[in-house]
Amino acid sequence: MQETRQNKISRLLQKELSIIFQEQTRSTHGVMVSVTQVRISPDLSICTAHLSIFPSERGEEILANINANVKSIRYNLGSRVRNQLRIIPELRFFIDDSLDYIEHIDELLRSEK
């Protein structure tokens, strides 16, 4: 039962975080941040979000900026989900580099031919 609740809250947080990042990146042309995966701890206190950042060359810079503004992002998230959640979880962000990894494998396979 607890796992079902975790999944529902994870989907809610993923949707709301993606809207927040979409609004914030509108002013920055040429940058796109998407939330690929969200996991929440069993006690619903820690939210781990994996972000896919385009262009990937600026990924570390953008992630550092996001981590510097984590309090304002959490406040925005709290104002969006205050009716669904009692406690707004602590946010942790990581870069999801799976697309870069897939692209690297494709390049290696093409070079073998």
C-alpha atoms as a PDB file:
ATOM      1  CA  MET A   1       0.000   0.000   0.000  1.00  0.00           C
ATOM      2  CA  GLN A   2       2.810   2.384   0.880  1.00  0.00           C
ATOM      3  CA  GLU A   3       4.468   1.820  -2.491  1.00  0.00           C
ATOM      4  CA  THR A   4       1.299   2.880  -4.327  1.00  0.00           C
ATOM      5  CA  ARG A   5       1.227   6.121  -2.347  1.00  0.00           C
ATOM      6  CA  GLN A   6       4.907   6.720  -3.104  1.00  0.00           C
ATOM      7  CA  ASN A   7       4.283   6.234  -6.822  1.00  0.00           C
ATOM      8  CA  LYS A   8       1.358   8.654  -6.844  1.00  0.00           C
ATOM      9  CA  ILE A   9       3.327  11.322  -5.006  1.00  0.00           C
ATOM     10  CA  SER A  10       6.348  10.765  -7.256  1.00  0.00           C
ATOM     11  CA  ARG A  11       4.228  11.329 -10.363  1.00  0.00           C
ATOM     12  CA  LEU A  12       2.679  14.447  -8.831  1.00  0.00           C
ATOM     13  CA  LEU A  13       6.088  15.885  -7.918  1.00  0.00           C
ATOM     14  CA  GLN A  14       7.525  15.036 -11.351  1.00  0.00           C
ATOM     15  CA  LYS A  15       4.672  16.846 -13.082  1.00  0.00           C
ATOM     16  CA  GLU A  16       4.894  19.926 -10.870  1.00  0.00           C
ATOM     17  CA  LEU A  17       8.696  20.114 -10.986  1.00  0.00           C
ATOM     18  CA  SER A  18       8.658  19.878 -14.774  1.00  0.00           C
ATOM     19  CA  ILE A  19       6.191  22.788 -14.938  1.00  0.00           C
ATOM     20  CA  ILE A  20       8.389  24.834 -12.586  1.00  0.00           C
ATOM     21  CA  PHE A  21      11.506  24.177 -14.682  1.00  0.00           C
ATOM     22  CA  GLN A  22       9.628  24.879 -17.893  1.00  0.00           C
ATOM     23  CA  GLU A  23       8.568  28.283 -16.576  1.00  0.00           C
ATOM     24  CA  GLN A  24      12.089  29.095 -15.366  1.00  0.00           C
ATOM     25  CA  THR A  25      13.840  28.085 -18.585  1.00  0.00           C
ATOM     26  CA  ARG A  26      11.547  30.119 -20.845  1.00  0.00           C
ATOM     27  CA  SER A  27      13.701  33.183 -20.163  1.00  0.00           C
ATOM     28  CA  THR A  28      16.897  31.243 -20.960  1.00  0.00           C
ATOM     29  CA  HIS A  29      16.914  30.558 -24.691  1.00  0.00           C
ATOM     30  CA  GLY A  30      18.649  27.419 -25.885  1.00  0.00           C
ATOM     31  CA  VAL A  31      18.361  25.576 -22.557  1.00  0.00           C
ATOM     32  CA  MET A  32      15.889  22.825 -21.791  1.00  0.00           C
ATOM     33  CA  VAL A  33      15.512  21.027 -18.457  1.00  0.00           C
ATOM     34  CA  SER A  34      13.244  18.008 -18.181  1.00  0.00           C
ATOM     35  CA  VAL A  35      12.530  15.850 -15.161  1.00  0.00           C
ATOM     36  CA  THR A  36      13.112  12.248 -16.211  1.00  0.00           C
ATOM     37  CA  GLN A  37      12.616  10.412 -12.933  1.00  0.00           C
ATOM     38  CA  VAL A  38      11.461  11.221  -9.407  1.00  0.00           C
ATOM     39  CA  ARG A  39      11.778   8.938  -6.418  1.00  0.00           C
ATOM     40  CA  ILE A  40      10.541   9.670  -2.938  1.00  0.00           C
ATOM     41  CA  SER A  41      11.660   8.105   0.326  1.00  0.00           C
ATOM     42  CA  PRO A  42       9.251   5.818   2.217  1.00  0.00           C
ATOM     43  CA  ASP A  43       8.649   8.489   4.858  1.00  0.00           C
ATOM     44  CA  LEU A  44       7.935  11.058   2.084  1.00  0.00           C
ATOM     45  CA  SER A  45      10.608  13.438   3.385  1.00  0.00           C
ATOM     46  CA  ILE A  46      13.240  13.268   0.616  1.00  0.00           C
ATOM     47  CA  CYS A  47      12.564  13.656  -3.102  1.00  0.00           C
ATOM     48  CA  THR A  48      15.322  12.644  -5.512  1.00  0.00           C
ATOM     49  CA  ALA A  49      14.835  14.060  -9.007  1.00  0.00           C
ATOM     50  CA  HIS A  50      16.903  13.182 -12.068  1.00  0.00           C
ATOM     51  CA  LEU A  51      17.139  15.963 -14.630  1.00  0.00           C
ATOM     52  CA  SER A  52      17.943  15.752 -18.308  1.00  0.00           C
ATOM     53  CA  ILE A  53      19.595  18.996 -19.377  1.00  0.00           C
ATOM     54  CA  PHE A  54      20.031  20.170 -22.965  1.00  0.00           C
ATOM     55  CA  PRO A  55      22.681  21.132 -24.039  1.00  0.00           C
ATOM     56  CA  SER A  56      24.554  18.566 -21.967  1.00  0.00           C
ATOM     57  CA  GLU A  57      27.762  20.640 -22.084  1.00  0.00           C
ATOM     58  CA  ARG A  58      26.171  23.157 -19.714  1.00  0.00           C
ATOM     59  CA  GLY A  59      24.696  20.466 -17.474  1.00  0.00           C
ATOM     60  CA  GLU A  60      27.019  20.947 -14.503  1.00  0.00           C
ATOM     61  CA  GLU A  61      26.595  24.727 -14.614  1.00  0.00           C
ATOM     62  CA  ILE A  62      22.801  24.527 -14.743  1.00  0.00           C
ATOM     63  CA  LEU A  63      22.680  21.864 -12.016  1.00  0.00           C
ATOM     64  CA  ALA A  64      24.834  24.077  -9.768  1.00  0.00           C
ATOM     65  CA  ASN A  65      22.404  26.953 -10.410  1.00  0.00           C
ATOM     66  CA  ILE A  66      19.431  24.710  -9.589  1.00  0.00           C
ATOM     67  CA  ASN A  67      21.072  23.503  -6.370  1.00  0.00           C
ATOM     68  CA  ALA A  68      21.801  27.112  -5.384  1.00  0.00           C
ATOM     69  CA  ASN A  69      18.090  27.932  -5.807  1.00  0.00           C
ATOM     70  CA  VAL A  70      16.687  24.759  -4.233  1.00  0.00           C
ATOM     71  CA  LYS A  71      14.895  26.703  -1.472  1.00  0.00           C
ATOM     72  CA  SER A  72      12.915  28.831  -3.923  1.00  0.00           C
ATOM     73  CA  ILE A  73      12.110  25.747  -6.043  1.00  0.00           C
ATOM     74  CA  ARG A  74      10.857  23.959  -2.913  1.00  0.00           C
ATOM     75  CA  TYR A  75       8.752  27.002  -1.999  1.00  0.00           C
ATOM     76  CA  ASN A  76       7.216  27.086  -5.507  1.00  0.00           C
ATOM     77  CA  LEU A  77       6.559  23.355  -5.299  1.00  0.00           C
ATOM     78  CA  GLY A  78       4.961  23.773  -1.888  1.00  0.00           C
ATOM     79  CA  SER A  79       2.626  26.477  -3.120  1.00  0.00           C
ATOM     80  CA  ARG A  80       1.543  24.204  -5.990  1.00  0.00           C
ATOM     81  CA  VAL A  81       0.926  21.002  -3.978  1.00  0.00           C
ATOM     82  CA  ARG A  82      -0.052  22.411  -0.576  1.00  0.00           C
ATOM     83  CA  ASN A  83      -3.533  20.870  -0.807  1.00  0.00           C
ATOM     84  CA  GLN A  84      -2.248  17.380  -1.688  1.00  0.00           C
ATOM     85  CA  LEU A  85       0.761  17.034   0.649  1.00  0.00           C
ATOM     86  CA  ARG A  86       1.126  17.860   4.305  1.00  0.00           C
ATOM     87  CA  ILE A  87       4.935  18.019   4.288  1.00  0.00           C
ATOM     88  CA  ILE A  88       6.893  19.254   1.273  1.00  0.00           C
ATOM     89  CA  PRO A  89       9.884  16.923   0.827  1.00  0.00           C
ATOM     90  CA  GLU A  90      13.511  18.004   0.758  1.00  0.00           C
ATOM     91  CA  LEU A  91      14.660  18.201  -2.863  1.00  0.00           C
ATOM     92  CA  ARG A  92      17.804  16.609  -4.275  1.00  0.00           C
ATOM     93  CA  PHE A  93      18.721  16.974  -7.931  1.00  0.00           C
ATOM     94  CA  PHE A  94      21.015  14.835 -10.074  1.00  0.00           C
ATOM     95  CA  ILE A  95      21.900  14.826 -13.769  1.00  0.00           C
ATOM     96  CA  ASP A  96      20.399  12.002 -15.810  1.00  0.00           C
ATOM     97  CA  ASP A  97      23.048  11.247 -18.412  1.00  0.00           C
ATOM     98  CA  SER A  98      21.393   8.150 -19.868  1.00  0.00           C
ATOM     99  CA  LEU A  99      20.759   9.877 -23.227  1.00  0.00           C
ATOM    100  CA  ASP A 100      24.440  10.794 -23.521  1.00  0.00           C
ATOM    101  CA  TYR A 101      25.348   7.219 -22.652  1.00  0.00           C
ATOM    102  CA  ILE A 102      23.026   5.846 -25.354  1.00  0.00           C
ATOM    103  CA  GLU A 103      24.452   8.283 -27.882  1.00  0.00           C
ATOM    104  CA  HIS A 104      27.990   7.225 -26.980  1.00  0.00           C
ATOM    105  CA  ILE A 105      27.093   3.539 -27.484  1.00  0.00           C
ATOM    106  CA  ASP A 106      25.545   4.351 -30.879  1.00  0.00           C
ATOM    107  CA  GLU A 107      28.738   6.148 -31.927  1.00  0.00           C
ATOM    108  CA  LEU A 108      30.831   3.166 -30.858  1.00  0.00           C
ATOM    109  CA  LEU A 109      28.610   0.769 -32.797  1.00  0.00           C
ATOM    110  CA  ARG A 110      28.789   2.951 -35.918  1.00  0.00           C
ATOM    111  CA  SER A 111      32.573   3.178 -35.721  1.00  0.00           C
ATOM    112  CA  GLU A 112      32.904  -0.625 -35.583  1.00  0.00           C
ATOM    113  CA  LYS A 113      31.408  -1.040 -39.073  1.00  0.00           C
END
